[in-house]
Amino acid sequence: MENTEEVKLQWIKGDKIGTVETVAGTEGEWTIFASGGRVSTSLIGEFLSPIQGEPMDFSASPSSALKEAAKTYKENIVSLPMASPIRTLFDKQKKNDKIKLNLSFPIEVPKEAIYEIISSSFDLDEVNNELESFIVDQISDDFVKDSLMQSIKELISTRYKIG
């Protein structure tokens, strides 16, 4: 079951109208409450409203409370994390293949002759440390993420013979 931040919802429709529930998490298509109950996540917008401050009082005028709940819901749409059914199936597999994902980055490095001249003039460890720094400075987080995504797409295409 996926964990979520503490989210409190109030029933605005049905037999449980006015009842406040604390979301414990999601499990597949269900939102699970700390009370042990559950509701289809797709029905939350119709039957429950997020609590902003104090819960609504349904004892005096249910229709005005419902109007307020609808307004609150439209202004603050509840977004509970929900895994896709495809991801759920992938996650439930007991055995997956372990393979290596190869990454390659196009980088600039000094010519070998320059490296030899510099390494003969300075301490080899210092030269290598500076060369590592020179190379690392060329690789940004976005560059790594883009390269990683490209490698993942190539892996999927090759392994599963797509396109």
C-alpha atoms as a PDB file:
ATOM      1  CA  MET A   1       0.000   0.000   0.000  1.00  0.00           C
ATOM      2  CA  GLU A   2       1.308   3.427  -0.931  1.00  0.00           C
ATOM      3  CA  ASN A   3       1.671   5.969   1.850  1.00  0.00           C
ATOM      4  CA  THR A   4       0.404   9.496   1.474  1.00  0.00           C
ATOM      5  CA  GLU A   5       0.710  12.680   3.475  1.00  0.00           C
ATOM      6  CA  GLU A   6      -2.036  12.957   6.097  1.00  0.00           C
ATOM      7  CA  VAL A   7      -5.142  13.811   4.120  1.00  0.00           C
ATOM      8  CA  LYS A   8      -8.521  14.224   5.799  1.00  0.00           C
ATOM      9  CA  LEU A   9     -11.710  13.862   3.786  1.00  0.00           C
ATOM     10  CA  GLN A  10     -15.326  14.308   4.803  1.00  0.00           C
ATOM     11  CA  TRP A  11     -18.213  12.341   3.379  1.00  0.00           C
ATOM     12  CA  ILE A  12     -20.604  14.718   1.606  1.00  0.00           C
ATOM     13  CA  LYS A  13     -22.972  12.095   0.242  1.00  0.00           C
ATOM     14  CA  GLY A  14     -24.434   8.749   1.262  1.00  0.00           C
ATOM     15  CA  ASP A  15     -24.971   7.025   4.623  1.00  0.00           C
ATOM     16  CA  LYS A  16     -21.681   8.361   6.020  1.00  0.00           C
ATOM     17  CA  ILE A  17     -22.440  12.035   5.299  1.00  0.00           C
ATOM     18  CA  GLY A  18     -20.507  14.283   7.674  1.00  0.00           C
ATOM     19  CA  THR A  19     -18.060  11.541   8.745  1.00  0.00           C
ATOM     20  CA  VAL A  20     -14.393  12.560   8.635  1.00  0.00           C
ATOM     21  CA  GLU A  21     -11.888  10.005   7.339  1.00  0.00           C
ATOM     22  CA  THR A  22      -8.077  10.069   7.434  1.00  0.00           C
ATOM     23  CA  VAL A  23      -6.449   8.595   4.337  1.00  0.00           C
ATOM     24  CA  ALA A  24      -4.001   5.802   5.205  1.00  0.00           C
ATOM     25  CA  GLY A  25      -2.905   5.225   1.601  1.00  0.00           C
ATOM     26  CA  THR A  26      -3.912   3.712  -1.689  1.00  0.00           C
ATOM     27  CA  GLU A  27      -3.987   0.126  -2.821  1.00  0.00           C
ATOM     28  CA  GLY A  28      -4.637  -0.380  -6.494  1.00  0.00           C
ATOM     29  CA  GLU A  29      -7.822   1.496  -7.370  1.00  0.00           C
ATOM     30  CA  TRP A  30      -8.821   1.903  -3.709  1.00  0.00           C
ATOM     31  CA  THR A  31      -8.180   4.683  -1.224  1.00  0.00           C
ATOM     32  CA  ILE A  32      -7.810   3.133   2.216  1.00  0.00           C
ATOM     33  CA  PHE A  33      -8.865   4.976   5.395  1.00  0.00           C
ATOM     34  CA  ALA A  34      -7.296   4.726   8.852  1.00  0.00           C
ATOM     35  CA  SER A  35     -10.712   3.535  10.109  1.00  0.00           C
ATOM     36  CA  GLY A  36     -10.331   0.414   7.968  1.00  0.00           C
ATOM     37  CA  GLY A  37     -12.853   1.501   5.351  1.00  0.00           C
ATOM     38  CA  ARG A  38     -12.104   2.151   1.703  1.00  0.00           C
ATOM     39  CA  VAL A  39     -13.537   3.878  -1.342  1.00  0.00           C
ATOM     40  CA  SER A  40     -12.811   3.660  -5.044  1.00  0.00           C
ATOM     41  CA  THR A  41     -10.363   6.488  -5.701  1.00  0.00           C
ATOM     42  CA  SER A  42     -12.338   7.467  -8.797  1.00  0.00           C
ATOM     43  CA  LEU A  43     -15.399   8.239  -6.610  1.00  0.00           C
ATOM     44  CA  ILE A  44     -13.694  10.549  -4.110  1.00  0.00           C
ATOM     45  CA  GLY A  45     -14.723  13.724  -5.937  1.00  0.00           C
ATOM     46  CA  GLU A  46     -18.364  12.688  -5.876  1.00  0.00           C
ATOM     47  CA  PHE A  47     -18.653  11.383  -2.299  1.00  0.00           C
ATOM     48  CA  LEU A  48     -15.916  13.111  -0.275  1.00  0.00           C
ATOM     49  CA  SER A  49     -14.470  16.581   0.122  1.00  0.00           C
ATOM     50  CA  PRO A  50     -11.032  17.609   1.414  1.00  0.00           C
ATOM     51  CA  ILE A  51     -11.161  19.290   4.801  1.00  0.00           C
ATOM     52  CA  GLN A  52      -9.860  22.850   4.857  1.00  0.00           C
ATOM     53  CA  GLY A  53      -9.789  23.845   8.529  1.00  0.00           C
ATOM     54  CA  GLU A  54     -12.925  22.699  10.358  1.00  0.00           C
ATOM     55  CA  PRO A  55     -15.179  19.913   9.003  1.00  0.00           C
ATOM     56  CA  MET A  56     -18.510  20.996   7.553  1.00  0.00           C
ATOM     57  CA  ASP A  57     -21.574  20.839   9.795  1.00  0.00           C
ATOM     58  CA  PHE A  58     -24.267  18.817   8.053  1.00  0.00           C
ATOM     59  CA  SER A  59     -26.699  18.885  10.970  1.00  0.00           C
ATOM     60  CA  ALA A  60     -28.211  22.332  10.234  1.00  0.00           C
ATOM     61  CA  SER A  61     -28.573  22.516   6.475  1.00  0.00           C
ATOM     62  CA  PRO A  62     -27.248  19.623   4.423  1.00  0.00           C
ATOM     63  CA  SER A  63     -27.907  21.377   1.097  1.00  0.00           C
ATOM     64  CA  SER A  64     -25.791  24.438   1.956  1.00  0.00           C
ATOM     65  CA  ALA A  65     -23.045  22.170   3.291  1.00  0.00           C
ATOM     66  CA  LEU A  66     -23.148  20.220   0.023  1.00  0.00           C
ATOM     67  CA  LYS A  67     -22.842  23.424  -2.006  1.00  0.00           C
ATOM     68  CA  GLU A  68     -19.856  24.463   0.123  1.00  0.00           C
ATOM     69  CA  ALA A  69     -18.308  21.010  -0.319  1.00  0.00           C
ATOM     70  CA  ALA A  70     -18.692  21.191  -4.097  1.00  0.00           C
ATOM     71  CA  LYS A  71     -17.093  24.641  -4.138  1.00  0.00           C
ATOM     72  CA  THR A  72     -14.217  23.460  -1.913  1.00  0.00           C
ATOM     73  CA  TYR A  73     -13.647  20.417  -4.089  1.00  0.00           C
ATOM     74  CA  LYS A  74     -13.550  22.455  -7.298  1.00  0.00           C
ATOM     75  CA  GLU A  75     -11.101  24.917  -5.752  1.00  0.00           C
ATOM     76  CA  ASN A  76      -8.871  22.261  -4.158  1.00  0.00           C
ATOM     77  CA  ILE A  77      -9.042  19.091  -6.236  1.00  0.00           C
ATOM     78  CA  VAL A  78      -7.804  16.138  -4.226  1.00  0.00           C
ATOM     79  CA  SER A  79      -4.817  14.480  -5.844  1.00  0.00           C
ATOM     80  CA  LEU A  80      -3.999  11.230  -4.130  1.00  0.00           C
ATOM     81  CA  PRO A  81      -1.065   9.292  -5.536  1.00  0.00           C
ATOM     82  CA  MET A  82      -2.351   6.325  -7.473  1.00  0.00           C
ATOM     83  CA  ALA A  83      -0.241   3.821  -9.354  1.00  0.00           C
ATOM     84  CA  SER A  84      -1.345   2.899 -12.836  1.00  0.00           C
ATOM     85  CA  PRO A  85      -2.626  -0.664 -13.246  1.00  0.00           C
ATOM     86  CA  ILE A  86       0.359  -1.362 -15.504  1.00  0.00           C
ATOM     87  CA  ARG A  87       2.832  -0.230 -12.813  1.00  0.00           C
ATOM     88  CA  THR A  88       0.943  -2.299 -10.225  1.00  0.00           C
ATOM     89  CA  LEU A  89       1.400  -5.409 -12.383  1.00  0.00           C
ATOM     90  CA  PHE A  90       5.118  -4.674 -12.839  1.00  0.00           C
ATOM     91  CA  ASP A  91       5.546  -4.111  -9.084  1.00  0.00           C
ATOM     92  CA  LYS A  92       3.781  -7.367  -8.135  1.00  0.00           C
ATOM     93  CA  GLN A  93       6.123  -9.594 -10.139  1.00  0.00           C
ATOM     94  CA  LYS A  94       8.081 -11.903  -7.843  1.00  0.00           C
ATOM     95  CA  LYS A  95      11.015 -12.413 -10.203  1.00  0.00           C
ATOM     96  CA  ASN A  96      12.398  -9.854 -12.599  1.00  0.00           C
ATOM     97  CA  ASP A  97      15.502 -10.150 -14.757  1.00  0.00           C
ATOM     98  CA  LYS A  98      18.526  -8.162 -13.592  1.00  0.00           C
ATOM     99  CA  ILE A  99      20.385  -6.612 -16.486  1.00  0.00           C
ATOM    100  CA  LYS A 100      22.977  -3.875 -16.882  1.00  0.00           C
ATOM    101  CA  LEU A 101      21.953  -0.510 -18.232  1.00  0.00           C
ATOM    102  CA  ASN A 102      24.803   0.967 -20.215  1.00  0.00           C
ATOM    103  CA  LEU A 103      25.329   4.698 -20.228  1.00  0.00           C
ATOM    104  CA  SER A 104      27.646   6.655 -22.420  1.00  0.00           C
ATOM    105  CA  PHE A 105      28.299  10.376 -22.366  1.00  0.00           C
ATOM    106  CA  PRO A 106      29.978  12.326 -25.157  1.00  0.00           C
ATOM    107  CA  ILE A 107      32.676  14.329 -23.399  1.00  0.00           C
ATOM    108  CA  GLU A 108      35.813  16.203 -24.369  1.00  0.00           C
ATOM    109  CA  VAL A 109      39.178  14.961 -23.125  1.00  0.00           C
ATOM    110  CA  PRO A 110      42.685  16.276 -23.800  1.00  0.00           C
ATOM    111  CA  LYS A 111      44.764  14.597 -26.497  1.00  0.00           C
ATOM    112  CA  GLU A 112      47.073  11.862 -25.210  1.00  0.00           C
ATOM    113  CA  ALA A 113      50.203  13.875 -26.052  1.00  0.00           C
ATOM    114  CA  ILE A 114      48.998  16.787 -23.902  1.00  0.00           C
ATOM    115  CA  TYR A 115      48.151  14.412 -21.042  1.00  0.00           C
ATOM    116  CA  GLU A 116      51.647  12.884 -21.229  1.00  0.00           C
ATOM    117  CA  ILE A 117      53.339  16.295 -21.166  1.00  0.00           C
ATOM    118  CA  ILE A 118      51.258  17.528 -18.220  1.00  0.00           C
ATOM    119  CA  SER A 119      51.599  14.259 -16.247  1.00  0.00           C
ATOM    120  CA  SER A 120      55.398  14.326 -16.685  1.00  0.00           C
ATOM    121  CA  SER A 121      55.500  17.909 -15.375  1.00  0.00           C
ATOM    122  CA  PHE A 122      53.112  17.506 -12.383  1.00  0.00           C
ATOM    123  CA  ASP A 123      52.225  14.913  -9.780  1.00  0.00           C
ATOM    124  CA  LEU A 124      50.266  12.104 -11.499  1.00  0.00           C
ATOM    125  CA  ASP A 125      47.567  11.970  -8.781  1.00  0.00           C
ATOM    126  CA  GLU A 126      47.049  15.734  -9.044  1.00  0.00           C
ATOM    127  CA  VAL A 127      46.832  15.544 -12.856  1.00  0.00           C
ATOM    128  CA  ASN A 128      44.297  12.725 -12.689  1.00  0.00           C
ATOM    129  CA  ASN A 129      42.231  14.546 -10.054  1.00  0.00           C
ATOM    130  CA  GLU A 130      42.119  17.673 -12.234  1.00  0.00           C
ATOM    131  CA  LEU A 131      41.256  15.593 -15.310  1.00  0.00           C
ATOM    132  CA  GLU A 132      38.376  13.957 -13.409  1.00  0.00           C
ATOM    133  CA  SER A 133      37.163  17.407 -12.353  1.00  0.00           C
ATOM    134  CA  PHE A 134      37.480  18.660 -15.960  1.00  0.00           C
ATOM    135  CA  ILE A 135      35.308  15.775 -17.186  1.00  0.00           C
ATOM    136  CA  VAL A 136      32.737  15.992 -14.357  1.00  0.00           C
ATOM    137  CA  ASP A 137      32.260  19.725 -15.009  1.00  0.00           C
ATOM    138  CA  GLN A 138      31.000  18.850 -18.498  1.00  0.00           C
ATOM    139  CA  ILE A 139      28.178  16.676 -17.160  1.00  0.00           C
ATOM    140  CA  SER A 140      25.115  18.394 -15.680  1.00  0.00           C
ATOM    141  CA  ASP A 141      22.240  16.690 -13.844  1.00  0.00           C
ATOM    142  CA  ASP A 142      19.935  17.339 -16.809  1.00  0.00           C
ATOM    143  CA  PHE A 143      22.539  15.840 -19.151  1.00  0.00           C
ATOM    144  CA  VAL A 144      22.738  12.687 -17.007  1.00  0.00           C
ATOM    145  CA  LYS A 145      18.938  12.396 -16.803  1.00  0.00           C
ATOM    146  CA  ASP A 146      18.568  12.874 -20.564  1.00  0.00           C
ATOM    147  CA  SER A 147      21.268  10.285 -21.260  1.00  0.00           C
ATOM    148  CA  LEU A 148      19.719   7.876 -18.764  1.00  0.00           C
ATOM    149  CA  MET A 149      16.259   8.250 -20.359  1.00  0.00           C
ATOM    150  CA  GLN A 150      17.760   7.669 -23.818  1.00  0.00           C
ATOM    151  CA  SER A 151      19.515   4.506 -22.566  1.00  0.00           C
ATOM    152  CA  ILE A 152      16.290   3.260 -20.971  1.00  0.00           C
ATOM    153  CA  LYS A 153      14.365   3.831 -24.218  1.00  0.00           C
ATOM    154  CA  GLU A 154      17.068   2.002 -26.195  1.00  0.00           C
ATOM    155  CA  LEU A 155      17.006  -0.880 -23.694  1.00  0.00           C
ATOM    156  CA  ILE A 156      13.211  -1.212 -23.993  1.00  0.00           C
ATOM    157  CA  SER A 157      13.346  -1.016 -27.772  1.00  0.00           C
ATOM    158  CA  THR A 158      16.116  -3.601 -28.054  1.00  0.00           C
ATOM    159  CA  ARG A 159      14.995  -6.016 -25.320  1.00  0.00           C
ATOM    160  CA  TYR A 160      11.336  -6.068 -26.320  1.00  0.00           C
ATOM    161  CA  LYS A 161      11.970  -5.640 -30.078  1.00  0.00           C
ATOM    162  CA  ILE A 162       9.888  -2.504 -30.457  1.00  0.00           C
ATOM    163  CA  GLY A 163       9.903  -0.559 -33.702  1.00  0.00           C
END
